[in-house]
């Protein structure tokens, strides 16, 4: 999966996306990756967020939820 393409597609749909990796959580071996999506397409200040062990694991959790909300996610 082309993560940059996914993020660009979401941004074109009005979604702000943030990926973060936390050095302290990495040292502690506890889910260092964070994915956050928010923005205009979501009502009531909805925020899609997860913390996971890898970037891929973040996507596995959040992309299906974004699709459920009507976002178009490229393969």
N, C-alpha and C. Protein backbone atom coordinates (compact mmCIF):
# COMPACT_ATOMS: atom_id res chain seq x y z
N UNK A 1 0.83 -1.18 0.00
CA UNK A 1 0.00 0.00 0.00
C UNK A 1 0.88 1.24 0.00
N UNK A 2 0.50 2.21 -0.82
CA UNK A 2 1.21 3.48 -0.90
C UNK A 2 0.62 4.43 0.14
N UNK A 3 1.27 4.53 1.28
CA UNK A 3 0.75 5.30 2.40
C UNK A 3 0.63 6.78 2.03
N UNK A 4 1.59 7.32 1.31
CA UNK A 4 1.52 8.73 0.90
C UNK A 4 0.28 8.96 0.02
N UNK A 5 -0.01 8.04 -0.87
CA UNK A 5 -1.19 8.16 -1.74
C UNK A 5 -2.48 8.12 -0.91
N UNK A 6 -2.53 7.25 0.08
CA UNK A 6 -3.69 7.17 0.96
C UNK A 6 -3.88 8.49 1.69
N UNK A 7 -2.80 9.03 2.26
CA UNK A 7 -2.89 10.28 3.01
C UNK A 7 -3.29 11.43 2.10
N UNK A 8 -2.74 11.48 0.88
CA UNK A 8 -3.11 12.54 -0.07
C UNK A 8 -4.58 12.43 -0.45
N UNK A 9 -5.06 11.21 -0.67
CA UNK A 9 -6.47 11.01 -1.01
C UNK A 9 -7.37 11.49 0.12
N UNK A 10 -7.03 11.17 1.34
CA UNK A 10 -7.82 11.63 2.48
C UNK A 10 -7.79 13.15 2.58
N UNK A 11 -6.63 13.75 2.38
CA UNK A 11 -6.52 15.21 2.44
C UNK A 11 -7.38 15.86 1.37
N UNK A 12 -7.42 15.27 0.18
CA UNK A 12 -8.26 15.80 -0.90
C UNK A 12 -9.74 15.73 -0.54
N UNK A 13 -10.09 14.84 0.39
CA UNK A 13 -11.48 14.70 0.83
C UNK A 13 -11.77 15.54 2.08
N UNK A 14 -10.78 16.35 2.50
CA UNK A 14 -10.97 17.25 3.63
C UNK A 14 -10.54 16.69 4.97
N UNK A 15 -9.83 15.57 4.95
CA UNK A 15 -9.40 14.93 6.20
C UNK A 15 -7.95 15.30 6.49
N UNK A 16 -7.69 15.69 7.72
CA UNK A 16 -6.32 15.93 8.18
C UNK A 16 -5.82 14.64 8.81
N UNK A 17 -4.63 14.19 8.39
CA UNK A 17 -4.08 12.91 8.86
C UNK A 17 -2.73 13.16 9.51
N UNK A 18 -2.53 12.50 10.64
CA UNK A 18 -1.26 12.60 11.34
C UNK A 18 -0.78 11.20 11.70
N UNK A 19 0.46 10.89 11.32
CA UNK A 19 1.14 9.69 11.79
C UNK A 19 2.24 10.15 12.72
N UNK A 20 2.43 9.43 13.81
CA UNK A 20 3.47 9.80 14.77
C UNK A 20 4.10 8.52 15.29
N UNK A 21 5.40 8.57 15.51
CA UNK A 21 6.09 7.49 16.22
C UNK A 21 6.78 8.12 17.42
N UNK A 22 6.56 7.53 18.58
CA UNK A 22 7.02 8.08 19.84
C UNK A 22 8.24 7.31 20.33
N UNK A 23 9.36 7.99 20.45
CA UNK A 23 10.62 7.35 20.85
C UNK A 23 10.53 6.73 22.24
N UNK A 24 9.87 7.40 23.16
CA UNK A 24 9.77 6.89 24.52
C UNK A 24 8.94 5.60 24.55
N UNK A 25 7.81 5.58 23.84
CA UNK A 25 7.00 4.36 23.80
C UNK A 25 7.72 3.25 23.06
N UNK A 26 8.56 3.61 22.09
CA UNK A 26 9.34 2.60 21.37
C UNK A 26 10.34 1.95 22.33
N UNK A 27 11.01 2.75 23.12
CA UNK A 27 11.96 2.21 24.11
C UNK A 27 11.25 1.31 25.11
N UNK A 28 10.00 1.68 25.47
CA UNK A 28 9.23 0.89 26.44
C UNK A 28 8.51 -0.29 25.80
N UNK A 29 8.66 -0.43 24.48
CA UNK A 29 8.03 -1.51 23.72
C UNK A 29 6.51 -1.52 23.87
N UNK A 30 5.93 -0.31 23.82
CA UNK A 30 4.47 -0.19 23.93
C UNK A 30 3.92 0.68 22.80
N UNK A 31 3.30 0.09 21.84
CA UNK A 31 2.59 0.75 20.75
C UNK A 31 3.10 2.17 20.42
N UNK A 32 4.25 2.28 19.80
CA UNK A 32 4.84 3.59 19.55
C UNK A 32 4.18 4.39 18.41
N UNK A 33 3.42 3.74 17.54
CA UNK A 33 2.81 4.43 16.41
C UNK A 33 1.42 4.96 16.75
N UNK A 34 1.13 6.18 16.29
CA UNK A 34 -0.19 6.78 16.46
C UNK A 34 -0.68 7.26 15.11
N UNK A 35 -1.97 7.01 14.82
CA UNK A 35 -2.64 7.50 13.62
C UNK A 35 -3.84 8.31 14.11
N UNK A 36 -3.98 9.53 13.57
CA UNK A 36 -5.11 10.38 13.91
C UNK A 36 -5.66 10.97 12.62
N UNK A 37 -6.98 10.91 12.46
CA UNK A 37 -7.64 11.53 11.31
C UNK A 37 -8.80 12.36 11.84
N UNK A 38 -8.92 13.58 11.32
CA UNK A 38 -10.00 14.47 11.72
C UNK A 38 -10.29 15.41 10.56
N UNK A 39 -11.35 16.17 10.69
CA UNK A 39 -11.60 17.18 9.66
C UNK A 39 -13.05 17.35 9.29
N UNK A 40 -13.25 18.19 8.29
CA UNK A 40 -14.56 18.64 7.86
C UNK A 40 -15.54 17.52 7.51
N UNK A 41 -15.12 16.42 6.89
CA UNK A 41 -16.11 15.40 6.53
C UNK A 41 -16.78 14.73 7.73
N UNK A 42 -16.19 14.86 8.91
CA UNK A 42 -16.70 14.20 10.10
C UNK A 42 -17.56 15.18 10.89
N UNK A 43 -18.66 14.69 11.43
CA UNK A 43 -19.57 15.53 12.21
C UNK A 43 -19.25 15.44 13.70
N UNK A 44 -19.62 16.48 14.42
CA UNK A 44 -19.48 16.49 15.88
C UNK A 44 -18.05 16.28 16.35
N UNK A 45 -17.11 16.85 15.61
CA UNK A 45 -15.69 16.77 16.00
C UNK A 45 -15.20 15.34 16.16
N UNK A 46 -15.71 14.44 15.31
CA UNK A 46 -15.28 13.04 15.34
C UNK A 46 -13.79 12.95 15.06
N UNK A 47 -13.14 12.07 15.78
CA UNK A 47 -11.71 11.85 15.63
C UNK A 47 -11.48 10.35 15.50
N UNK A 48 -10.77 9.94 14.46
CA UNK A 48 -10.38 8.55 14.30
C UNK A 48 -8.95 8.44 14.79
N UNK A 49 -8.71 7.59 15.77
CA UNK A 49 -7.37 7.50 16.35
C UNK A 49 -7.09 6.08 16.81
N UNK A 50 -5.83 5.68 16.67
CA UNK A 50 -5.38 4.43 17.27
C UNK A 50 -3.89 4.53 17.58
N UNK A 51 -3.48 3.78 18.57
CA UNK A 51 -2.07 3.57 18.89
C UNK A 51 -1.79 2.10 18.60
N UNK A 52 -0.66 1.82 17.96
CA UNK A 52 -0.39 0.44 17.55
C UNK A 52 1.12 0.17 17.53
N UNK A 53 1.44 -1.10 17.28
CA UNK A 53 2.84 -1.53 17.28
C UNK A 53 3.56 -1.18 15.97
N UNK A 54 2.78 -0.88 14.90
CA UNK A 54 3.41 -0.55 13.62
C UNK A 54 2.50 0.39 12.83
N UNK A 55 3.08 1.01 11.83
CA UNK A 55 2.31 1.85 10.92
C UNK A 55 1.22 1.02 10.25
N UNK A 56 1.57 -0.18 9.81
CA UNK A 56 0.62 -1.06 9.14
C UNK A 56 -0.54 -1.42 10.06
N UNK A 57 -0.24 -1.67 11.33
CA UNK A 57 -1.29 -2.01 12.29
C UNK A 57 -2.24 -0.82 12.49
N UNK A 58 -1.72 0.39 12.48
CA UNK A 58 -2.57 1.58 12.56
C UNK A 58 -3.55 1.60 11.39
N UNK A 59 -3.02 1.36 10.19
CA UNK A 59 -3.86 1.38 8.99
C UNK A 59 -4.92 0.29 9.03
N UNK A 60 -4.56 -0.89 9.52
CA UNK A 60 -5.51 -2.00 9.60
C UNK A 60 -6.72 -1.65 10.48
N UNK A 61 -6.49 -0.84 11.49
CA UNK A 61 -7.57 -0.44 12.39
C UNK A 61 -8.37 0.74 11.82
N UNK A 62 -7.66 1.75 11.33
CA UNK A 62 -8.32 3.02 10.98
C UNK A 62 -8.92 3.06 9.58
N UNK A 63 -8.30 2.43 8.60
CA UNK A 63 -8.83 2.54 7.24
C UNK A 63 -10.22 1.94 7.09
N UNK A 64 -10.52 0.79 7.68
CA UNK A 64 -11.90 0.29 7.58
C UNK A 64 -12.91 1.26 8.20
N UNK A 65 -12.55 1.88 9.30
CA UNK A 65 -13.45 2.86 9.95
C UNK A 65 -13.67 4.06 9.04
N UNK A 66 -12.61 4.54 8.39
CA UNK A 66 -12.74 5.66 7.47
C UNK A 66 -13.63 5.29 6.28
N UNK A 67 -13.48 4.09 5.79
CA UNK A 67 -14.34 3.62 4.68
C UNK A 67 -15.80 3.59 5.13
N UNK A 68 -16.06 3.13 6.36
CA UNK A 68 -17.42 3.10 6.89
C UNK A 68 -18.04 4.50 6.92
N UNK A 69 -17.20 5.50 7.10
CA UNK A 69 -17.67 6.89 7.16
C UNK A 69 -17.77 7.52 5.77
N UNK A 70 -17.49 6.73 4.73
CA UNK A 70 -17.66 7.21 3.37
C UNK A 70 -16.40 7.71 2.68
N UNK A 71 -15.27 7.60 3.33
CA UNK A 71 -14.02 8.03 2.69
C UNK A 71 -13.60 7.02 1.64
N UNK A 72 -13.06 7.53 0.54
CA UNK A 72 -12.55 6.68 -0.54
C UNK A 72 -11.06 6.49 -0.29
N UNK A 73 -10.65 5.24 -0.11
CA UNK A 73 -9.26 4.89 0.19
C UNK A 73 -8.70 4.11 -0.98
N UNK A 74 -7.64 4.63 -1.62
CA UNK A 74 -7.04 3.88 -2.73
C UNK A 74 -6.34 2.61 -2.23
N UNK A 75 -6.26 1.60 -3.08
CA UNK A 75 -5.58 0.35 -2.73
C UNK A 75 -4.09 0.51 -2.79
